C-alpha atoms as a PDB file:
ATOM      1  CA  MET A   1      40.149  47.005  -3.874  1.00  0.00           C
ATOM      2  CA  ASN A   2      39.188  49.296  -0.874  1.00  0.00           C
ATOM      3  CA  ARG A   3      40.223  52.884  -0.540  1.00  0.00           C
ATOM      4  CA  ILE A   4      41.285  53.603   3.001  1.00  0.00           C
ATOM      5  CA  HIS A   5      42.442  57.066   4.115  1.00  0.00           C
ATOM      6  CA  PRO A   6      45.719  57.029   6.003  1.00  0.00           C
ATOM      7  CA  SER A   7      44.013  58.761   8.889  1.00  0.00           C
ATOM      8  CA  ALA A   8      41.448  56.105   9.346  1.00  0.00           C
ATOM      9  CA  VAL A   9      41.873  53.982  12.375  1.00  0.00           C
ATOM     10  CA  LEU A  10      41.086  50.211  12.282  1.00  0.00           C
ATOM     11  CA  VAL A  11      41.274  48.330  15.525  1.00  0.00           C
ATOM     12  CA  GLY A  12      40.979  44.625  16.163  1.00  0.00           C
ATOM     13  CA  GLN A  13      39.235  42.283  13.755  1.00  0.00           C
ATOM     14  CA  VAL A  14      37.976  44.319  10.821  1.00  0.00           C
ATOM     15  CA  GLU A  15      36.750  42.293   7.718  1.00  0.00           C
ATOM     16  CA  LEU A  16      36.184  44.385   4.535  1.00  0.00           C
ATOM     17  CA  GLY A  17      34.828  43.107   1.335  1.00  0.00           C
ATOM     18  CA  SER A  18      35.843  45.109  -1.900  1.00  0.00           C
ATOM     19  CA  ASP A  19      35.322  48.699  -3.204  1.00  0.00           C
ATOM     20  CA  ASN A  20      34.715  50.192   0.159  1.00  0.00           C
ATOM     21  CA  VAL A  21      35.409  53.923   0.692  1.00  0.00           C
ATOM     22  CA  ILE A  22      36.879  54.641   4.171  1.00  0.00           C
ATOM     23  CA  SER A  23      37.276  58.541   4.454  1.00  0.00           C
ATOM     24  CA  PRO A  24      39.490  60.642   6.739  1.00  0.00           C
ATOM     25  CA  GLY A  25      39.203  60.153  10.421  1.00  0.00           C
ATOM     26  CA  VAL A  26      36.999  57.108  10.299  1.00  0.00           C
ATOM     27  CA  THR A  27      37.413  54.657  13.262  1.00  0.00           C
ATOM     28  CA  LEU A  28      36.491  50.928  13.006  1.00  0.00           C
ATOM     29  CA  GLN A  29      36.722  49.014  16.285  1.00  0.00           C
ATOM     30  CA  GLY A  30      36.231  45.273  15.512  1.00  0.00           C
ATOM     31  CA  PRO A  31      34.798  42.911  15.397  1.00  0.00           C
ATOM     32  CA  VAL A  32      33.340  44.737  12.170  1.00  0.00           C
ATOM     33  CA  VAL A  33      32.238  42.788   9.202  1.00  0.00           C
ATOM     34  CA  MET A  34      31.503  44.896   6.086  1.00  0.00           C
ATOM     35  CA  GLY A  35      30.473  43.845   2.531  1.00  0.00           C
ATOM     36  CA  ASP A  36      31.231  45.601  -0.758  1.00  0.00           C
ATOM     37  CA  GLY A  37      30.701  49.016  -2.067  1.00  0.00           C
ATOM     38  CA  ASN A  38      30.048  50.840   1.063  1.00  0.00           C
ATOM     39  CA  TYR A  39      30.842  54.466   1.779  1.00  0.00           C
ATOM     40  CA  LEU A  40      32.011  55.782   5.195  1.00  0.00           C
ATOM     41  CA  GLY A  41      32.173  59.687   5.342  1.00  0.00           C
ATOM     42  CA  PRO A  42      34.771  61.702   7.323  1.00  0.00           C
ATOM     43  CA  GLY A  43      34.661  61.054  11.075  1.00  0.00           C
ATOM     44  CA  VAL A  44      32.396  58.021  11.187  1.00  0.00           C
ATOM     45  CA  SER A  45      32.732  55.857  14.100  1.00  0.00           C
ATOM     46  CA  VAL A  46      31.700  52.263  13.974  1.00  0.00           C
ATOM     47  CA  GLY A  47      32.057  49.729  16.903  1.00  0.00           C
ATOM     48  CA  SER A  48      32.768  52.355  19.759  1.00  0.00           C
ATOM     49  CA  PHE A  49      31.690  51.362  23.324  1.00  0.00           C
ATOM     50  CA  SER A  50      28.183  52.248  24.622  1.00  0.00           C
ATOM     51  CA  ARG A  51      27.504  53.712  28.147  1.00  0.00           C
ATOM     52  CA  GLU A  52      26.281  50.359  29.174  1.00  0.00           C
ATOM     53  CA  ARG A  53      29.567  48.565  28.402  1.00  0.00           C
ATOM     54  CA  LEU A  54      31.644  51.226  30.313  1.00  0.00           C
ATOM     55  CA  GLU A  55      29.280  51.577  33.447  1.00  0.00           C
ATOM     56  CA  PRO A  56      28.159  48.160  34.811  1.00  0.00           C
ATOM     57  CA  SER A  57      25.399  49.949  36.938  1.00  0.00           C
ATOM     58  CA  HIS A  58      23.481  50.429  33.770  1.00  0.00           C
ATOM     59  CA  ARG A  59      23.407  46.816  32.589  1.00  0.00           C
ATOM     60  CA  LEU A  60      20.326  44.798  32.758  1.00  0.00           C
ATOM     61  CA  ALA A  61      22.374  41.638  32.118  1.00  0.00           C
ATOM     62  CA  ASP A  62      25.941  40.644  31.504  1.00  0.00           C
ATOM     63  CA  PRO A  63      26.936  41.425  27.765  1.00  0.00           C
ATOM     64  CA  LEU A  64      29.015  39.092  25.575  1.00  0.00           C
ATOM     65  CA  PRO A  65      32.708  39.913  25.544  1.00  0.00           C
ATOM     66  CA  PRO A  66      33.518  42.874  23.267  1.00  0.00           C
ATOM     67  CA  GLU A  67      35.669  40.558  21.075  1.00  0.00           C
ATOM     68  CA  GLU A  68      32.539  38.312  20.296  1.00  0.00           C
ATOM     69  CA  SER A  69      30.018  41.066  19.493  1.00  0.00           C
ATOM     70  CA  ALA A  70      30.179  42.500  15.992  1.00  0.00           C
ATOM     71  CA  VAL A  71      28.946  45.315  13.999  1.00  0.00           C
ATOM     72  CA  VAL A  72      27.757  44.031  10.557  1.00  0.00           C
ATOM     73  CA  ILE A  73      27.345  46.225   7.596  1.00  0.00           C
ATOM     74  CA  GLY A  74      25.900  44.920   4.268  1.00  0.00           C
ATOM     75  CA  THR A  75      26.624  46.223   0.632  1.00  0.00           C
ATOM     76  CA  GLY A  76      26.216  49.405  -1.000  1.00  0.00           C
ATOM     77  CA  THR A  77      25.428  51.274   2.291  1.00  0.00           C
ATOM     78  CA  MET A  78      26.413  54.978   2.907  1.00  0.00           C
ATOM     79  CA  LEU A  79      27.246  56.398   6.435  1.00  0.00           C
ATOM     80  CA  PHE A  80      27.800  60.139   6.149  1.00  0.00           C
ATOM     81  CA  ASP A  81      29.905  62.468   8.184  1.00  0.00           C
ATOM     82  CA  HIS A  82      30.356  61.646  11.887  1.00  0.00           C
ATOM     83  CA  ALA A  83      27.613  59.050  12.074  1.00  0.00           C
ATOM     84  CA  VAL A  84      28.126  56.718  15.087  1.00  0.00           C
ATOM     85  CA  VAL A  85      27.238  52.920  15.230  1.00  0.00           C
ATOM     86  CA  PHE A  86      27.797  51.400  18.687  1.00  0.00           C
ATOM     87  CA  LYS A  87      29.138  47.997  19.544  1.00  0.00           C
ATOM     88  CA  PRO A  88      26.425  45.514  20.436  1.00  0.00           C
ATOM     89  CA  MET A  89      26.021  44.171  24.009  1.00  0.00           C
ATOM     90  CA  PHE A  90      24.673  40.729  23.100  1.00  0.00           C
ATOM     91  CA  GLU A  91      23.885  39.719  19.605  1.00  0.00           C
ATOM     92  CA  GLU A  92      24.933  42.137  16.919  1.00  0.00           C
ATOM     93  CA  THR A  93      24.288  45.609  15.620  1.00  0.00           C
ATOM     94  CA  ARG A  94      23.509  45.119  11.925  1.00  0.00           C
ATOM     95  CA  ILE A  95      23.043  47.563   9.010  1.00  0.00           C
ATOM     96  CA  GLY A  96      21.689  46.110   5.838  1.00  0.00           C
ATOM     97  CA  ASP A  97      22.140  46.638   2.206  1.00  0.00           C
ATOM     98  CA  GLY A  98      21.562  49.951   0.405  1.00  0.00           C
ATOM     99  CA  VAL A  99      21.007  51.862   3.640  1.00  0.00           C
ATOM    100  CA  GLU A 100      21.490  55.815   3.935  1.00  0.00           C
ATOM    101  CA  ILE A 101      22.657  56.990   7.255  1.00  0.00           C
ATOM    102  CA  GLY A 102      22.659  60.741   7.416  1.00  0.00           C
ATOM    103  CA  ALA A 103      25.433  62.879   9.067  1.00  0.00           C
ATOM    104  CA  HIS A 104      25.620  63.017  12.791  1.00  0.00           C
ATOM    105  CA  THR A 105      23.291  60.171  13.136  1.00  0.00           C
ATOM    106  CA  THR A 106      23.566  57.959  16.197  1.00  0.00           C
ATOM    107  CA  ILE A 107      22.649  54.071  16.148  1.00  0.00           C
ATOM    108  CA  GLY A 108      22.541  52.600  19.635  1.00  0.00           C
ATOM    109  CA  HIS A 109      24.013  49.203  20.500  1.00  0.00           C
ATOM    110  CA  ASP A 110      22.132  46.128  19.296  1.00  0.00           C
ATOM    111  CA  CYS A 111      20.138  47.963  16.647  1.00  0.00           C
ATOM    112  CA  ILE A 112      19.076  46.582  13.223  1.00  0.00           C
ATOM    113  CA  VAL A 113      18.481  48.801  10.226  1.00  0.00           C
ATOM    114  CA  ARG A 114      17.098  46.665   7.349  1.00  0.00           C
ATOM    115  CA  ASP A 115      17.672  46.998   3.654  1.00  0.00           C
ATOM    116  CA  HIS A 116      17.164  50.288   1.786  1.00  0.00           C
ATOM    117  CA  ALA A 117      16.069  52.314   4.996  1.00  0.00           C
ATOM    118  CA  ILE A 118      16.929  55.984   5.036  1.00  0.00           C
ATOM    119  CA  LEU A 119      18.102  57.781   8.348  1.00  0.00           C
ATOM    120  CA  SER A 120      18.199  61.352   7.619  1.00  0.00           C
ATOM    121  CA  PRO A 121      20.851  63.658   9.459  1.00  0.00           C
ATOM    122  CA  ARG A 122      20.852  63.811  13.199  1.00  0.00           C
ATOM    123  CA  VAL A 123      18.572  60.831  13.613  1.00  0.00           C
ATOM    124  CA  THR A 124      18.993  59.121  16.978  1.00  0.00           C
ATOM    125  CA  LEU A 125      18.180  55.461  17.680  1.00  0.00           C
ATOM    126  CA  GLY A 126      18.125  54.172  21.181  1.00  0.00           C
ATOM    127  CA  ALA A 127      19.317  50.726  22.106  1.00  0.00           C
ATOM    128  CA  TYR A 128      17.747  47.603  20.643  1.00  0.00           C
ATOM    129  CA  VAL A 129      15.836  49.584  17.996  1.00  0.00           C
ATOM    130  CA  THR A 130      14.776  47.863  14.711  1.00  0.00           C
ATOM    131  CA  VAL A 131      14.226  49.909  11.578  1.00  0.00           C
ATOM    132  CA  GLY A 132      12.244  48.030   8.888  1.00  0.00           C
ATOM    133  CA  ALA A 133      13.082  47.684   5.127  1.00  0.00           C
ATOM    134  CA  ARG A 134      12.597  50.970   3.235  1.00  0.00           C
ATOM    135  CA  ALA A 135      11.515  53.023   6.206  1.00  0.00           C
ATOM    136  CA  ASN A 136      12.243  56.558   6.236  1.00  0.00           C
ATOM    137  CA  LEU A 137      13.308  58.736   9.348  1.00  0.00           C
ATOM    138  CA  GLY A 138      13.253  62.358   8.886  1.00  0.00           C
ATOM    139  CA  ILE A 139      15.928  64.900  10.187  1.00  0.00           C
ATOM    140  CA  ALA A 140      16.402  64.667  13.900  1.00  0.00           C
ATOM    141  CA  ALA A 141      13.781  61.869  14.443  1.00  0.00           C
ATOM    142  CA  ALA A 142      14.502  60.232  17.852  1.00  0.00           C
ATOM    143  CA  VAL A 143      13.328  56.591  18.566  1.00  0.00           C
ATOM    144  CA  HIS A 144      13.221  55.125  22.153  1.00  0.00           C
ATOM    145  CA  ASN A 145      14.903  52.005  23.238  1.00  0.00           C
ATOM    146  CA  ARG A 146      13.491  48.650  22.182  1.00  0.00           C
ATOM    147  CA  LEU A 147      11.076  49.901  19.596  1.00  0.00           C
ATOM    148  CA  THR A 148      10.327  48.700  16.050  1.00  0.00           C
ATOM    149  CA  ILE A 149       9.815  51.005  13.037  1.00  0.00           C
ATOM    150  CA  GLY A 150       7.836  49.032  10.569  1.00  0.00           C
ATOM    151  CA  GLY A 151       8.918  48.665   6.909  1.00  0.00           C
ATOM    152  CA  LEU A 152       7.716  51.487   4.563  1.00  0.00           C
ATOM    153  CA  ALA A 153       6.899  53.660   7.472  1.00  0.00           C
ATOM    154  CA  MET A 154       7.802  57.394   7.553  1.00  0.00           C
ATOM    155  CA  CYS A 155       8.872  59.307  10.693  1.00  0.00           C
ATOM    156  CA  GLY A 156       8.751  62.919  10.063  1.00  0.00           C
ATOM    157  CA  LEU A 157      11.076  65.941  10.961  1.00  0.00           C
ATOM    158  CA  ALA A 158      12.022  65.704  14.655  1.00  0.00           C
ATOM    159  CA  ALA A 159       9.524  63.184  15.497  1.00  0.00           C
ATOM    160  CA  ALA A 160       9.730  61.743  19.157  1.00  0.00           C
ATOM    161  CA  VAL A 161       8.945  58.104  18.634  1.00  0.00           C
ATOM    162  CA  VAL A 162       7.894  56.473  22.031  1.00  0.00           C
ATOM    163  CA  GLY A 163       5.869  53.512  20.665  1.00  0.00           C
ATOM    164  CA  HIS A 164       6.190  50.932  17.861  1.00  0.00           C
ATOM    165  CA  VAL A 165       5.433  52.385  14.238  1.00  0.00           C
ATOM    166  CA  PRO A 166       3.269  49.973  12.199  1.00  0.00           C
ATOM    167  CA  PRO A 167       4.393  49.203   8.688  1.00  0.00           C
ATOM    168  CA  GLY A 168       3.524  51.852   5.999  1.00  0.00           C
ATOM    169  CA  ALA A 169       2.378  54.538   8.653  1.00  0.00           C
ATOM    170  CA  LEU A 170       2.976  58.094   8.439  1.00  0.00           C
ATOM    171  CA  VAL A 171       3.954  59.579  11.924  1.00  0.00           C
ATOM    172  CA  TYR A 172       5.183  62.830  13.237  1.00  0.00           C
ATOM    173  CA  GLY A 173       5.046  65.124  16.213  1.00  0.00           C
ATOM    174  CA  ASN A 174       6.134  64.958  19.772  1.00  0.00           C
ATOM    175  CA  PRO A 175       5.139  62.630  20.864  1.00  0.00           C
ATOM    176  CA  ALA A 176       4.658  60.936  17.383  1.00  0.00           C
ATOM    177  CA  ARG A 177       1.180  60.032  16.299  1.00  0.00           C
ATOM    178  CA  ILE A 178      -0.142  58.307  13.196  1.00  0.00           C
ATOM    179  CA  HIS A 179      -1.506  60.861  10.596  1.00  0.00           C
ATOM    180  CA  GLY A 180      -2.201  58.376   7.837  1.00  0.00           C
ATOM    181  CA  VAL A 181      -0.289  56.249   5.304  1.00  0.00           C
ATOM    182  CA  ASN A 182       3.110  56.880   3.986  1.00  0.00           C
ATOM    183  CA  THR A 183       1.713  57.281   0.406  1.00  0.00           C
ATOM    184  CA  VAL A 184       4.827  58.649  -0.983  1.00  0.00           C
ATOM    185  CA  GLY A 185       7.009  55.655   0.212  1.00  0.00           C
ATOM    186  CA  LEU A 186       4.554  53.162  -0.871  1.00  0.00           C
ATOM    187  CA  SER A 187       4.147  54.698  -4.256  1.00  0.00           C
ATOM    188  CA  ARG A 188       7.981  54.944  -4.771  1.00  0.00           C
ATOM    189  CA  ALA A 189       8.133  51.192  -3.801  1.00  0.00           C
ATOM    190  CA  GLY A 190       5.740  50.501  -6.603  1.00  0.00           C
ATOM    191  CA  HIS A 191       2.484  49.854  -4.649  1.00  0.00           C
ATOM    192  CA  SER A 192      -0.910  50.561  -6.068  1.00  0.00           C
ATOM    193  CA  GLU A 193      -3.612  52.835  -4.741  1.00  0.00           C
ATOM    194  CA  HIS A 194      -5.575  49.840  -3.648  1.00  0.00           C
ATOM    195  CA  GLU A 195      -2.557  48.495  -1.579  1.00  0.00           C
ATOM    196  CA  VAL A 196      -2.258  51.953  -0.024  1.00  0.00           C
ATOM    197  CA  GLU A 197      -5.901  51.629   0.953  1.00  0.00           C
ATOM    198  CA  THR A 198      -5.296  48.155   2.268  1.00  0.00           C
ATOM    199  CA  VAL A 199      -2.511  49.486   4.660  1.00  0.00           C
ATOM    200  CA  LEU A 200      -4.902  52.263   5.842  1.00  0.00           C
ATOM    201  CA  ALA A 201      -7.369  49.619   6.860  1.00  0.00           C
ATOM    202  CA  PHE A 202      -4.635  47.714   8.602  1.00  0.00           C
ATOM    203  CA  LEU A 203      -3.615  50.807  10.548  1.00  0.00           C
ATOM    204  CA  ARG A 204      -7.149  51.341  11.690  1.00  0.00           C
ATOM    205  CA  GLY A 205      -7.300  47.761  13.112  1.00  0.00           C
ATOM    206  CA  ARG A 206      -9.463  46.326  10.391  1.00  0.00           C
ATOM    207  CA  PRO A 207      -8.793  42.816   8.872  1.00  0.00           C
ATOM    208  CA  SER A 208      -6.569  43.170   5.984  1.00  0.00           C
ATOM    209  CA  GLN A 209      -5.058  40.663   3.397  1.00  0.00           C
ATOM    210  CA  PHE A 210      -1.647  41.563   2.107  1.00  0.00           C
ATOM    211  CA  GLN A 211       0.234  40.220  -0.751  1.00  0.00           C
ATOM    212  CA  ASP A 212       3.852  39.722  -1.689  1.00  0.00           C
ATOM    213  CA  GLU A 213       6.080  42.480  -0.289  1.00  0.00           C
ATOM    214  CA  LEU A 214       3.454  43.840   2.137  1.00  0.00           C
ATOM    215  CA  ARG A 215       2.858  40.501   3.605  1.00  0.00           C
ATOM    216  CA  ILE A 216       6.533  40.016   4.263  1.00  0.00           C
ATOM    217  CA  VAL A 217       6.952  43.494   5.694  1.00  0.00           C
ATOM    218  CA  VAL A 218       3.897  43.012   8.112  1.00  0.00           C
ATOM    219  CA  ALA A 219       5.185  39.561   9.231  1.00  0.00           C
ATOM    220  CA  GLN A 220       8.669  40.898   9.729  1.00  0.00           C
ATOM    221  CA  TYR A 221       7.284  43.824  11.846  1.00  0.00           C
ATOM    222  CA  GLN A 222       5.288  41.473  13.986  1.00  0.00           C
ATOM    223  CA  GLN A 223       8.372  39.401  14.657  1.00  0.00           C
ATOM    224  CA  ASP A 224      10.835  42.366  15.314  1.00  0.00           C
ATOM    225  CA  SER A 225       8.347  44.029  17.680  1.00  0.00           C
ATOM    226  CA  ARG A 226       8.470  40.870  19.951  1.00  0.00           C
ATOM    227  CA  LYS A 227      12.171  40.486  19.868  1.00  0.00           C
ATOM    228  CA  TRP A 228      12.921  42.908  22.789  1.00  0.00           C
ATOM    229  CA  PRO A 229      10.193  42.971  25.370  1.00  0.00           C
ATOM    230  CA  THR A 230       9.038  46.523  26.380  1.00  0.00           C
ATOM    231  CA  PRO A 231       5.805  47.980  28.069  1.00  0.00           C
ATOM    232  CA  LYS A 232       5.496  50.399  25.323  1.00  0.00           C
ATOM    233  CA  LYS A 233       2.654  49.903  22.703  1.00  0.00           C
ATOM    234  CA  GLU A 234       2.138  51.154  19.167  1.00  0.00           C
ATOM    235  CA  VAL A 235       1.896  54.912  18.590  1.00  0.00           C
ATOM    236  CA  ARG A 236      -1.600  56.129  18.514  1.00  0.00           C
ATOM    237  CA  TRP A 237      -3.655  57.932  15.861  1.00  0.00           C
ATOM    238  CA  THR A 238      -3.778  61.733  16.030  1.00  0.00           C
ATOM    239  CA  THR A 239      -7.006  63.098  17.360  1.00  0.00           C
ATOM    240  CA  ARG A 240      -7.427  65.032  14.116  1.00  0.00           C
ATOM    241  CA  LYS A 241      -9.109  63.523  11.245  1.00  0.00           C
ATOM    242  CA  SER A 242      -6.704  61.676   9.064  1.00  0.00           C
ATOM    243  CA  SER A 243      -6.868  60.248   5.624  1.00  0.00           C
ATOM    244  CA  SER A 244      -4.600  58.105   3.342  1.00  0.00           C
ATOM    245  CA  SER A 245      -3.716  61.215   1.308  1.00  0.00           C
ATOM    246  CA  PRO A 246      -2.690  63.785   3.810  1.00  0.00           C
ATOM    247  CA  GLY A 247      -2.453  67.380   2.491  1.00  0.00           C
ATOM    248  CA  PHE A 248       1.329  67.424   3.273  1.00  0.00           C
ATOM    249  CA  ALA A 249       4.106  65.208   4.143  1.00  0.00           C
ATOM    250  CA  PRO A 250       6.794  66.102   6.795  1.00  0.00           C
ATOM    251  CA  SER A 251       9.952  67.142   5.310  1.00  0.00           C
ATOM    252  CA  THR A 252      12.941  64.650   5.370  1.00  0.00           C
END
């Protein structure tokens, strides 16, 4: 059974699983497909129209009709107060399972946020952005259009991301630069010190052999970063000396 506050507004085709919490002032503009056990905090907006849909001069191509382009949300995901998820232009805007989306975060149209990613409050994703599984974006991080954040990567506080972020990287700054490996995230995901060093070698452009989850994460990143063509490249290393065990990690 879903708990839907009387002040919530559901418009069009909205498909809900079970045990979802829809808080006061939530707006769902279909098509929206949602799994089980999700939490939508007060004022969350899902499926609203982007600028490109409302102003044809900003379109690069004709979009699908609004009634054919859905926002899809998985299971056990939390969207906190006043988060906004825009309706896709072409394929879909998809939020995976076990994702945490902080208050006042904005997710542009046609974005994909994969399972167990964390988007802290006031994160902004431009259009066509993909966030890999278990990636972590710190407070007020901003990601440019058509970029990919690799799985298990960490973007620090207020990072201005203007290039693809490789899997497992620790990036921060304006513009964001690679400062090492996301050792905290890799450790929490159960990866050994040897695997951390393998990720570091990969980030430095050395041949690396990955096993199990890391192999899947790297392959997914390579696929995702080719999905929406862009002239932007990967973020660069900082000019300062970096290591796999930086002295501090940016706050999330």
